[in-house]
PDB file of N, CA and C in Angstrom:
ATOM      1  N   MET A   1      73.066  14.986 -70.525  1.00  0.00           N
ATOM      2  CA  MET A   1      72.519  15.984 -71.591  1.00  0.00           C
ATOM      3  C   MET A   1      73.540  16.572 -72.304  1.00  0.00           C
ATOM      4  N   LYS A   2      73.208  16.843 -73.561  1.00  0.00           N
ATOM      5  CA  LYS A   2      74.323  17.287 -74.503  1.00  0.00           C
ATOM      6  C   LYS A   2      73.905  18.788 -74.799  1.00  0.00           C
ATOM      7  N   LYS A   3      74.969  19.665 -75.108  1.00  0.00           N
ATOM      8  CA  LYS A   3      74.714  20.951 -75.569  1.00  0.00           C
ATOM      9  C   LYS A   3      74.365  21.118 -76.881  1.00  0.00           C
ATOM     10  N   ASP A   4      74.543  20.035 -77.759  1.00  0.00           N
ATOM     11  CA  ASP A   4      74.266  20.140 -79.187  1.00  0.00           C
ATOM     12  C   ASP A   4      73.182  18.910 -79.490  1.00  0.00           C
ATOM     13  N   TYR A   5      72.348  18.564 -78.770  1.00  0.00           N
ATOM     14  CA  TYR A   5      71.397  17.505 -78.939  1.00  0.00           C
ATOM     15  C   TYR A   5      70.424  17.822 -80.017  1.00  0.00           C
ATOM     16  N   GLY A   6      70.210  16.909 -80.922  1.00  0.00           N
ATOM     17  CA  GLY A   6      69.068  17.006 -81.983  1.00  0.00           C
ATOM     18  C   GLY A   6      69.359  18.123 -83.013  1.00  0.00           C
ATOM     19  N   GLY A   7      70.619  18.538 -83.069  1.00  0.00           N
ATOM     20  CA  GLY A   7      71.004  19.560 -83.953  1.00  0.00           C
ATOM     21  C   GLY A   7      70.833  20.926 -83.721  1.00  0.00           C
ATOM     22  N   ILE A   8      70.429  21.143 -82.391  1.00  0.00           N
ATOM     23  CA  ILE A   8      70.130  22.491 -81.846  1.00  0.00           C
ATOM     24  C   ILE A   8      71.033  22.743 -80.753  1.00  0.00           C
ATOM     25  N   ILE A   9      71.261  24.030 -80.425  1.00  0.00           N
ATOM     26  CA  ILE A   9      72.128  24.353 -79.309  1.00  0.00           C
ATOM     27  C   ILE A   9      71.260  24.540 -77.947  1.00  0.00           C
ATOM     28  N   TRP A  10      71.841  23.881 -76.902  1.00  0.00           N
ATOM     29  CA  TRP A  10      71.032  24.140 -75.718  1.00  0.00           C
ATOM     30  C   TRP A  10      71.956  24.849 -74.622  1.00  0.00           C
ATOM     31  N   THR A  11      71.318  25.834 -74.066  1.00  0.00           N
ATOM     32  CA  THR A  11      72.121  26.771 -73.246  1.00  0.00           C
ATOM     33  C   THR A  11      72.336  25.916 -71.836  1.00  0.00           C
ATOM     34  N   ASN A  12      73.342  26.206 -71.084  1.00  0.00           N
ATOM     35  CA  ASN A  12      73.464  25.784 -69.789  1.00  0.00           C
ATOM     36  C   ASN A  12      72.243  25.877 -68.906  1.00  0.00           C
ATOM     37  N   HIS A  13      71.628  27.006 -69.008  1.00  0.00           N
ATOM     38  CA  HIS A  13      70.395  27.241 -68.165  1.00  0.00           C
ATOM     39  C   HIS A  13      69.289  26.318 -68.609  1.00  0.00           C
ATOM     40  N   ALA A  14      69.206  25.946 -69.879  1.00  0.00           N
ATOM     41  CA  ALA A  14      68.068  25.031 -70.225  1.00  0.00           C
ATOM     42  C   ALA A  14      68.456  23.806 -69.839  1.00  0.00           C
ATOM     43  N   ILE A  15      69.639  23.304 -69.888  1.00  0.00           N
ATOM     44  CA  ILE A  15      70.066  21.851 -69.317  1.00  0.00           C
ATOM     45  C   ILE A  15      69.936  21.701 -67.812  1.00  0.00           C
ATOM     46  N   GLN A  16      70.302  22.843 -67.232  1.00  0.00           N
ATOM     47  CA  GLN A  16      70.086  22.862 -65.652  1.00  0.00           C
ATOM     48  C   GLN A  16      68.507  22.835 -65.370  1.00  0.00           C
ATOM     49  N   ARG A  17      67.792  23.405 -66.108  1.00  0.00           N
ATOM     50  CA  ARG A  17      66.300  23.455 -65.845  1.00  0.00           C
ATOM     51  C   ARG A  17      65.525  22.090 -66.133  1.00  0.00           C
ATOM     52  N   MET A  18      66.110  21.455 -67.074  1.00  0.00           N
ATOM     53  CA  MET A  18      65.661  20.152 -67.287  1.00  0.00           C
ATOM     54  C   MET A  18      66.163  18.971 -66.191  1.00  0.00           C
ATOM     55  N   GLN A  19      67.145  19.181 -65.704  1.00  0.00           N
ATOM     56  CA  GLN A  19      67.837  18.286 -64.798  1.00  0.00           C
ATOM     57  C   GLN A  19      67.007  18.736 -63.460  1.00  0.00           C
ATOM     58  N   ASP A  20      66.892  19.951 -63.115  1.00  0.00           N
ATOM     59  CA  ASP A  20      66.124  20.283 -61.929  1.00  0.00           C
ATOM     60  C   ASP A  20      64.614  19.707 -61.955  1.00  0.00           C
ATOM     61  N   ARG A  21      64.069  19.791 -63.122  1.00  0.00           N
ATOM     62  CA  ARG A  21      62.624  19.417 -63.295  1.00  0.00           C
ATOM     63  C   ARG A  21      62.371  18.158 -63.706  1.00  0.00           C
ATOM     64  N   GLY A  22      63.398  17.248 -63.789  1.00  0.00           N
ATOM     65  CA  GLY A  22      63.207  15.830 -64.453  1.00  0.00           C
ATOM     66  C   GLY A  22      62.507  15.687 -65.732  1.00  0.00           C
ATOM     67  N   ILE A  23      62.962  16.610 -66.527  1.00  0.00           N
ATOM     68  CA  ILE A  23      62.466  16.465 -67.959  1.00  0.00           C
ATOM     69  C   ILE A  23      63.543  15.909 -68.864  1.00  0.00           C
ATOM     70  N   LYS A  24      63.176  14.941 -69.675  1.00  0.00           N
ATOM     71  CA  LYS A  24      64.009  14.312 -70.565  1.00  0.00           C
ATOM     72  C   LYS A  24      64.343  15.228 -71.854  1.00  0.00           C
ATOM     73  N   GLN A  25      65.661  15.078 -72.052  1.00  0.00           N
ATOM     74  CA  GLN A  25      66.044  16.273 -73.214  1.00  0.00           C
ATOM     75  C   GLN A  25      65.206  15.671 -74.683  1.00  0.00           C
ATOM     76  N   GLY A  26      64.980  14.531 -74.713  1.00  0.00           N
ATOM     77  CA  GLY A  26      64.472  13.859 -75.872  1.00  0.00           C
ATOM     78  C   GLY A  26      62.713  14.544 -75.852  1.00  0.00           C
ATOM     79  N   ASP A  27      62.119  14.686 -74.808  1.00  0.00           N
ATOM     80  CA  ASP A  27      60.939  15.209 -74.688  1.00  0.00           C
ATOM     81  C   ASP A  27      60.821  16.716 -74.954  1.00  0.00           C
ATOM     82  N   ALA A  28      62.002  17.501 -74.568  1.00  0.00           N
ATOM     83  CA  ALA A  28      61.954  18.688 -74.945  1.00  0.00           C
ATOM     84  C   ALA A  28      62.379  18.960 -76.201  1.00  0.00           C
ATOM     85  N   TRP A  29      63.163  18.103 -76.783  1.00  0.00           N
ATOM     86  CA  TRP A  29      63.470  18.311 -78.287  1.00  0.00           C
ATOM     87  C   TRP A  29      62.202  17.992 -79.088  1.00  0.00           C
ATOM     88  N   ALA A  30      61.487  16.949 -78.650  1.00  0.00           N
ATOM     89  CA  ALA A  30      60.162  16.631 -79.727  1.00  0.00           C
ATOM     90  C   ALA A  30      59.153  17.839 -79.378  1.00  0.00           C
ATOM     91  N   THR A  31      59.282  18.533 -78.274  1.00  0.00           N
ATOM     92  CA  THR A  31      58.206  19.483 -78.003  1.00  0.00           C
ATOM     93  C   THR A  31      58.591  20.753 -78.862  1.00  0.00           C
ATOM     94  N   TRP A  32      59.877  20.951 -79.184  1.00  0.00           N
ATOM     95  CA  TRP A  32      60.346  21.924 -79.982  1.00  0.00           C
ATOM     96  C   TRP A  32      60.033  21.547 -81.567  1.00  0.00           C
ATOM     97  N   LYS A  33      60.373  20.342 -81.834  1.00  0.00           N
ATOM     98  CA  LYS A  33      60.361  19.783 -83.312  1.00  0.00           C
ATOM     99  C   LYS A  33      58.821  19.639 -83.638  1.00  0.00           C
ATOM    100  N   ARG A  34      58.047  19.119 -82.904  1.00  0.00           N
ATOM    101  CA  ARG A  34      56.744  18.909 -83.301  1.00  0.00           C
ATOM    102  C   ARG A  34      55.725  19.371 -82.177  1.00  0.00           C
ATOM    103  N   PRO A  35      55.591  20.548 -81.897  1.00  0.00           N
ATOM    104  CA  PRO A  35      54.665  21.136 -80.846  1.00  0.00           C
ATOM    105  C   PRO A  35      53.112  20.931 -81.080  1.00  0.00           C
ATOM    106  N   ASP A  36      52.307  20.926 -80.144  1.00  0.00           N
ATOM    107  CA  ASP A  36      51.008  20.959 -80.306  1.00  0.00           C
ATOM    108  C   ASP A  36      50.489  22.439 -80.692  1.00  0.00           C
ATOM    109  N   ASN A  37      51.381  23.391 -80.177  1.00  0.00           N
ATOM    110  CA  ASN A  37      51.074  24.750 -80.507  1.00  0.00           C
ATOM    111  C   ASN A  37      52.484  25.631 -80.071  1.00  0.00           C
ATOM    112  N   SER A  38      52.416  26.803 -80.599  1.00  0.00           N
ATOM    113  CA  SER A  38      53.524  27.728 -80.409  1.00  0.00           C
ATOM    114  C   SER A  38      53.038  29.182 -80.523  1.00  0.00           C
ATOM    115  N   HIS A  39      53.767  30.030 -79.986  1.00  0.00           N
ATOM    116  CA  HIS A  39      53.507  31.459 -80.055  1.00  0.00           C
ATOM    117  C   HIS A  39      54.728  32.275 -79.793  1.00  0.00           C
ATOM    118  N   TYR A  40      54.907  33.401 -80.573  1.00  0.00           N
ATOM    119  CA  TYR A  40      56.075  34.318 -80.621  1.00  0.00           C
ATOM    120  C   TYR A  40      55.789  35.176 -79.432  1.00  0.00           C
ATOM    121  N   THR A  41      57.034  35.488 -78.678  1.00  0.00           N
ATOM    122  CA  THR A  41      57.094  36.396 -77.568  1.00  0.00           C
ATOM    123  C   THR A  41      58.061  37.379 -77.833  1.00  0.00           C
ATOM    124  N   LYS A  42      57.272  38.603 -78.269  1.00  0.00           N
ATOM    125  CA  LYS A  42      58.227  39.725 -78.477  1.00  0.00           C
ATOM    126  C   LYS A  42      59.075  40.348 -77.643  1.00  0.00           C
ATOM    127  N   SER A  43      58.808  40.122 -76.248  1.00  0.00           N
ATOM    128  CA  SER A  43      59.702  40.612 -75.263  1.00  0.00           C
ATOM    129  C   SER A  43      60.887  39.891 -75.138  1.00  0.00           C
ATOM    130  N   LYS A  44      61.075  38.610 -75.418  1.00  0.00           N
ATOM    131  CA  LYS A  44      62.163  37.803 -75.535  1.00  0.00           C
ATOM    132  C   LYS A  44      62.604  37.560 -76.969  1.00  0.00           C
ATOM    133  N   GLY A  45      62.018  38.085 -77.948  1.00  0.00           N
ATOM    134  CA  GLY A  45      62.256  37.575 -79.353  1.00  0.00           C
ATOM    135  C   GLY A  45      62.562  36.247 -79.548  1.00  0.00           C
ATOM    136  N   ALA A  46      61.791  35.559 -78.963  1.00  0.00           N
ATOM    137  CA  ALA A  46      61.828  34.030 -78.951  1.00  0.00           C
ATOM    138  C   ALA A  46      60.383  33.342 -79.177  1.00  0.00           C
ATOM    139  N   TRP A  47      60.323  32.091 -79.453  1.00  0.00           N
ATOM    140  CA  TRP A  47      59.098  31.371 -79.575  1.00  0.00           C
ATOM    141  C   TRP A  47      58.971  30.495 -78.289  1.00  0.00           C
ATOM    142  N   ILE A  48      57.815  30.214 -77.994  1.00  0.00           N
ATOM    143  CA  ILE A  48      57.596  29.250 -76.863  1.00  0.00           C
ATOM    144  C   ILE A  48      56.732  28.093 -77.540  1.00  0.00           C
ATOM    145  N   TYR A  49      57.306  26.802 -77.393  1.00  0.00           N
ATOM    146  CA  TYR A  49      56.647  25.758 -77.932  1.00  0.00           C
ATOM    147  C   TYR A  49      56.070  24.831 -76.951  1.00  0.00           C
ATOM    148  N   HIS A  50      54.808  24.275 -77.128  1.00  0.00           N
ATOM    149  CA  HIS A  50      53.995  23.591 -76.029  1.00  0.00           C
ATOM    150  C   HIS A  50      53.481  22.228 -76.600  1.00  0.00           C
ATOM    151  N   ARG A  51      53.800  21.316 -75.711  1.00  0.00           N
ATOM    152  CA  ARG A  51      53.279  19.947 -76.203  1.00  0.00           C
ATOM    153  C   ARG A  51      52.769  19.244 -74.854  1.00  0.00           C
ATOM    154  N   THR A  52      51.760  18.396 -74.838  1.00  0.00           N
ATOM    155  CA  THR A  52      51.134  17.730 -73.999  1.00  0.00           C
ATOM    156  C   THR A  52      51.572  16.232 -73.849  1.00  0.00           C
ATOM    157  N   TYR A  53      51.879  15.827 -72.774  1.00  0.00           N
ATOM    158  CA  TYR A  53      52.319  14.385 -72.582  1.00  0.00           C
ATOM    159  C   TYR A  53      51.423  13.862 -71.421  1.00  0.00           C
ATOM    160  N   GLY A  54      50.230  13.181 -71.677  1.00  0.00           N
ATOM    161  CA  GLY A  54      49.396  12.741 -70.675  1.00  0.00           C
ATOM    162  C   GLY A  54      48.719  13.899 -69.939  1.00  0.00           C
ATOM    163  N   ASN A  55      49.233  14.155 -68.684  1.00  0.00           N
ATOM    164  CA  ASN A  55      48.774  15.283 -67.748  1.00  0.00           C
ATOM    165  C   ASN A  55      49.712  16.299 -67.562  1.00  0.00           C
ATOM    166  N   GLU A  56      50.776  16.311 -68.298  1.00  0.00           N
ATOM    167  CA  GLU A  56      51.893  17.158 -68.150  1.00  0.00           C
ATOM    168  C   GLU A  56      52.035  18.095 -69.563  1.00  0.00           C
ATOM    169  N   ARG A  57      52.368  19.328 -69.386  1.00  0.00           N
ATOM    170  CA  ARG A  57      52.492  20.153 -70.462  1.00  0.00           C
ATOM    171  C   ARG A  57      54.011  20.702 -70.526  1.00  0.00           C
ATOM    172  N   ILE A  58      54.869  20.276 -71.444  1.00  0.00           N
ATOM    173  CA  ILE A  58      56.199  20.767 -71.687  1.00  0.00           C
ATOM    174  C   ILE A  58      56.218  22.091 -72.380  1.00  0.00           C
ATOM    175  N   GLU A  59      56.905  23.015 -71.960  1.00  0.00           N
ATOM    176  CA  GLU A  59      57.147  24.233 -72.841  1.00  0.00           C
ATOM    177  C   GLU A  59      58.712  24.411 -72.944  1.00  0.00           C
ATOM    178  N   VAL A  60      58.995  24.853 -74.213  1.00  0.00           N
ATOM    179  CA  VAL A  60      60.357  25.159 -74.651  1.00  0.00           C
ATOM    180  C   VAL A  60      60.375  26.514 -75.110  1.00  0.00           C
ATOM    181  N   VAL A  61      61.330  27.281 -74.664  1.00  0.00           N
ATOM    182  CA  VAL A  61      61.762  28.550 -75.258  1.00  0.00           C
ATOM    183  C   VAL A  61      62.779  28.547 -75.955  1.00  0.00           C
ATOM    184  N   ALA A  62      62.802  29.015 -77.269  1.00  0.00           N
ATOM    185  CA  ALA A  62      63.885  28.848 -78.112  1.00  0.00           C
ATOM    186  C   ALA A  62      63.843  30.129 -79.113  1.00  0.00           C
ATOM    187  N   LYS A  63      65.067  30.390 -79.612  1.00  0.00           N
ATOM    188  CA  LYS A  63      65.244  31.644 -80.715  1.00  0.00           C
ATOM    189  C   LYS A  63      66.320  31.264 -81.626  1.00  0.00           C
ATOM    190  N   GLN A  64      66.361  31.781 -82.844  1.00  0.00           N
ATOM    191  CA  GLN A  64      67.530  31.734 -83.698  1.00  0.00           C
ATOM    192  C   GLN A  64      68.638  32.701 -83.465  1.00  0.00           C
ATOM    193  N   ASN A  65      69.770  32.414 -83.654  1.00  0.00           N
ATOM    194  CA  ASN A  65      70.884  33.382 -83.318  1.00  0.00           C
ATOM    195  C   ASN A  65      71.165  33.891 -84.813  1.00  0.00           C
ATOM    196  N   GLU A  66      72.239  34.655 -84.833  1.00  0.00           N
ATOM    197  CA  GLU A  66      72.512  35.466 -86.070  1.00  0.00           C
ATOM    198  C   GLU A  66      72.946  34.535 -87.243  1.00  0.00           C
ATOM    199  N   LYS A  67      73.317  33.330 -86.859  1.00  0.00           N
ATOM    200  CA  LYS A  67      73.678  32.403 -87.682  1.00  0.00           C
ATOM    201  C   LYS A  67      72.552  31.585 -88.262  1.00  0.00           C
ATOM    202  N   LYS A  68      71.395  31.789 -87.702  1.00  0.00           N
ATOM    203  CA  LYS A  68      70.242  31.041 -88.059  1.00  0.00           C
ATOM    204  C   LYS A  68      70.176  29.706 -87.386  1.00  0.00           C
ATOM    205  N   GLN A  69      70.972  29.506 -86.313  1.00  0.00           N
ATOM    206  CA  GLN A  69      70.998  28.283 -85.555  1.00  0.00           C
ATOM    207  C   GLN A  69      69.922  28.433 -84.465  1.00  0.00           C
ATOM    208  N   TRP A  70      69.160  27.288 -83.990  1.00  0.00           N
ATOM    209  CA  TRP A  70      68.227  27.315 -83.097  1.00  0.00           C
ATOM    210  C   TRP A  70      68.841  27.160 -81.686  1.00  0.00           C
ATOM    211  N   ILE A  71      68.414  27.951 -80.746  1.00  0.00           N
ATOM    212  CA  ILE A  71      69.065  28.010 -79.481  1.00  0.00           C
ATOM    213  C   ILE A  71      67.967  27.680 -78.335  1.00  0.00           C
ATOM    214  N   VAL A  72      67.993  26.705 -77.553  1.00  0.00           N
ATOM    215  CA  VAL A  72      66.952  26.564 -76.584  1.00  0.00           C
ATOM    216  C   VAL A  72      67.299  27.283 -75.334  1.00  0.00           C
ATOM    217  N   LEU A  73      66.686  28.151 -74.974  1.00  0.00           N
ATOM    218  CA  LEU A  73      66.904  29.025 -73.774  1.00  0.00           C
ATOM    219  C   LEU A  73      66.450  28.501 -72.419  1.00  0.00           C
ATOM    220  N   SER A  74      65.204  28.003 -72.547  1.00  0.00           N
ATOM    221  CA  SER A  74      64.752  27.371 -71.101  1.00  0.00           C
ATOM    222  C   SER A  74      63.632  26.281 -71.420  1.00  0.00           C
ATOM    223  N   VAL A  75      63.541  25.521 -70.352  1.00  0.00           N
ATOM    224  CA  VAL A  75      62.470  24.491 -70.525  1.00  0.00           C
ATOM    225  C   VAL A  75      61.825  24.275 -69.213  1.00  0.00           C
ATOM    226  N   TRP A  76      60.429  24.071 -68.923  1.00  0.00           N
ATOM    227  CA  TRP A  76      59.661  23.883 -68.048  1.00  0.00           C
ATOM    228  C   TRP A  76      58.607  22.942 -68.229  1.00  0.00           C
ATOM    229  N   SER A  77      57.911  22.510 -67.095  1.00  0.00           N
ATOM    230  CA  SER A  77      56.685  21.671 -67.401  1.00  0.00           C
ATOM    231  C   SER A  77      55.567  22.168 -66.552  1.00  0.00           C
ATOM    232  N   LYS A  78      54.349  22.029 -66.954  1.00  0.00           N
ATOM    233  CA  LYS A  78      53.340  22.270 -66.007  1.00  0.00           C
ATOM    234  C   LYS A  78      52.250  21.037 -65.798  1.00  0.00           C
ATOM    235  N   ARG A  79      51.848  20.723 -64.614  1.00  0.00           N
ATOM    236  CA  ARG A  79      50.761  19.581 -64.415  1.00  0.00           C
ATOM    237  C   ARG A  79      49.434  20.234 -64.910  1.00  0.00           C
ATOM    238  N   LEU A  80      48.765  19.374 -65.755  1.00  0.00           N
ATOM    239  CA  LEU A  80      47.484  19.938 -66.071  1.00  0.00           C
ATOM    240  C   LEU A  80      46.463  19.286 -65.062  1.00  0.00           C
ATOM    241  N   ARG A  81      45.366  20.174 -64.910  1.00  0.00           N
ATOM    242  CA  ARG A  81      44.356  19.774 -63.972  1.00  0.00           C
ATOM    243  C   ARG A  81      43.452  18.716 -64.687  1.00  0.00           C
ATOM    244  N   LYS A  82      42.953  17.670 -64.008  1.00  0.00           N
ATOM    245  CA  LYS A  82      41.872  16.921 -64.825  1.00  0.00           C
ATOM    246  C   LYS A  82      40.806  17.649 -65.086  1.00  0.00           C
ATOM    247  N   GLN A  83      40.479  17.472 -66.351  1.00  0.00           N
ATOM    248  CA  GLN A  83      39.239  17.991 -66.999  1.00  0.00           C
ATOM    249  C   GLN A  83      37.897  17.333 -66.205  1.00  0.00           C
ATOM    250  N   HIS A  84      37.043  18.265 -65.685  1.00  0.00           N
ATOM    251  CA  HIS A  84      35.849  17.744 -65.247  1.00  0.00           C
ATOM    252  C   HIS A  84      34.925  17.430 -66.140  1.00  0.00           C
ATOM    253  N   ARG A  85      34.225  16.370 -66.001  1.00  0.00           N
ATOM    254  CA  ARG A  85      33.168  16.064 -66.936  1.00  0.00           C
ATOM    255  C   ARG A  85      32.029  16.931 -67.019  1.00  0.00           C
ATOM    256  N   LYS A  86      31.563  17.356 -68.094  1.00  0.00           N
ATOM    257  CA  LYS A  86      30.619  18.387 -68.314  1.00  0.00           C
ATOM    258  C   LYS A  86      29.181  17.753 -67.834  1.00  0.00           C
ATOM    259  N   ALA A  87      28.534  18.480 -67.179  1.00  0.00           N
ATOM    260  CA  ALA A  87      27.080  18.036 -66.734  1.00  0.00           C
ATOM    261  C   ALA A  87      26.367  17.586 -67.923  1.00  0.00           C
ATOM    262  N   SER A  88      25.539  16.604 -67.588  1.00  0.00           N
ATOM    263  CA  SER A  88      24.694  15.929 -68.528  1.00  0.00           C
ATOM    264  C   SER A  88      23.595  16.916 -68.911  1.00  0.00           C
ATOM    265  N   LYS A  89      22.742  16.387 -69.738  1.00  0.00           N
ATOM    266  CA  LYS A  89      21.555  17.459 -70.002  1.00  0.00           C
ATOM    267  C   LYS A  89      20.718  17.770 -69.007  1.00  0.00           C
ATOM    268  N   GLU A  90      20.717  16.947 -67.772  1.00  0.00           N
ATOM    269  CA  GLU A  90      19.888  17.324 -66.670  1.00  0.00           C
ATOM    270  C   GLU A  90      20.718  18.549 -65.948  1.00  0.00           C
ATOM    271  N   LYS A  91      19.794  19.340 -65.341  1.00  0.00           N
ATOM    272  CA  LYS A  91      20.555  20.396 -64.623  1.00  0.00           C
ATOM    273  C   LYS A  91      20.562  20.097 -63.111  1.00  0.00           C
ATOM    274  N   ILE A  92      21.767  20.180 -62.517  1.00  0.00           N
ATOM    275  CA  ILE A  92      21.775  19.806 -60.962  1.00  0.00           C
ATOM    276  C   ILE A  92      21.683  20.982 -60.064  1.00  0.00           C
ATOM    277  N   GLY A  93      20.634  21.125 -59.340  1.00  0.00           N
ATOM    278  CA  GLY A  93      20.419  22.167 -58.433  1.00  0.00           C
ATOM    279  C   GLY A  93      21.453  22.323 -57.177  1.00  0.00           C
ATOM    280  N   ILE A  94      21.355  23.429 -56.594  1.00  0.00           N
ATOM    281  CA  ILE A  94      22.354  23.632 -55.393  1.00  0.00           C
ATOM    282  C   ILE A  94      21.844  22.538 -54.347  1.00  0.00           C
ATOM    283  N   TRP A  95      20.610  22.407 -54.123  1.00  0.00           N
ATOM    284  CA  TRP A  95      20.041  21.505 -53.052  1.00  0.00           C
ATOM    285  C   TRP A  95      20.570  19.990 -53.469  1.00  0.00           C
ATOM    286  N   ASP A  96      20.393  19.573 -54.581  1.00  0.00           N
ATOM    287  CA  ASP A  96      21.044  18.185 -55.001  1.00  0.00           C
ATOM    288  C   ASP A  96      22.554  17.970 -54.728  1.00  0.00           C
ATOM    289  N   LEU A  97      23.257  19.072 -55.042  1.00  0.00           N
ATOM    290  CA  LEU A  97      24.772  19.034 -54.593  1.00  0.00           C
ATOM    291  C   LEU A  97      24.980  18.940 -53.054  1.00  0.00           C
ATOM    292  N   LEU A  98      24.275  19.715 -52.379  1.00  0.00           N
ATOM    293  CA  LEU A  98      24.337  19.490 -51.039  1.00  0.00           C
ATOM    294  C   LEU A  98      24.102  18.359 -50.276  1.00  0.00           C
ATOM    295  N   LYS A  99      22.773  17.716 -50.871  1.00  0.00           N
ATOM    296  CA  LYS A  99      22.427  16.424 -50.228  1.00  0.00           C
ATOM    297  C   LYS A  99      23.511  15.485 -50.697  1.00  0.00           C
ATOM    298  N   GLY A 100      24.196  15.504 -51.854  1.00  0.00           N
ATOM    299  CA  GLY A 100      25.277  14.651 -51.996  1.00  0.00           C
ATOM    300  C   GLY A 100      26.392  14.911 -51.122  1.00  0.00           C
ATOM    301  N   LEU A 101      26.726  16.108 -50.742  1.00  0.00           N
ATOM    302  CA  LEU A 101      27.846  16.154 -49.751  1.00  0.00           C
ATOM    303  C   LEU A 101      27.352  15.786 -48.318  1.00  0.00           C
ATOM    304  N   PHE A 102      26.254  16.076 -47.896  1.00  0.00           N
ATOM    305  CA  PHE A 102      25.711  15.703 -46.590  1.00  0.00           C
ATOM    306  C   PHE A 102      24.638  14.704 -46.811  1.00  0.00           C
ATOM    307  N   LYS A 103      24.987  13.640 -46.581  1.00  0.00           N
ATOM    308  CA  LYS A 103      23.881  12.530 -46.538  1.00  0.00           C
ATOM    309  C   LYS A 103      23.009  12.676 -45.366  1.00  0.00           C
ATOM    310  N   VAL A 104      22.034  12.857 -45.330  1.00  0.00           N
ATOM    311  CA  VAL A 104      21.119  13.173 -44.122  1.00  0.00           C
ATOM    312  C   VAL A 104      20.219  11.856 -43.984  1.00  0.00           C
ATOM    313  N   SER A 105      20.282  11.230 -43.107  1.00  0.00           N
ATOM    314  CA  SER A 105      19.336   9.989 -42.864  1.00  0.00           C
ATOM    315  C   SER A 105      18.323  10.439 -41.918  1.00  0.00           C
ATOM    316  N   LYS A 106      17.072   9.943 -42.178  1.00  0.00           N
ATOM    317  CA  LYS A 106      15.892  10.271 -41.468  1.00  0.00           C
ATOM    318  C   LYS A 106      15.846   9.342 -40.147  1.00  0.00           C
ATOM    319  N   VAL A 107      15.483   9.936 -39.069  1.00  0.00           N
ATOM    320  CA  VAL A 107      15.383   9.096 -37.807  1.00  0.00           C
ATOM    321  C   VAL A 107      14.082   8.597 -37.511  1.00  0.00           C
TER     322      VAL A 107
END
């Protein structure tokens, strides 16, 4: 991993976190360059960029220095839960759910 990858500066902390977490630098760069979403965090004076790859969401924290150069401060990923299919138009009652869990056979 490079400290000047993609025309931005990567801190030692960010590089170490990507190595620890198995995140490719190219994926982190793409997250910063073309995020699905981003928001400013006043407490850090930085932006957090998000991008989803399959069932994993990569987040990159970056800010500009006094020379207006972008610096990546940290990178992490989160596993996303599978989305549950919404119930169909039929409403399922609690009894129906319990019957499905405990199949009762008549003797």
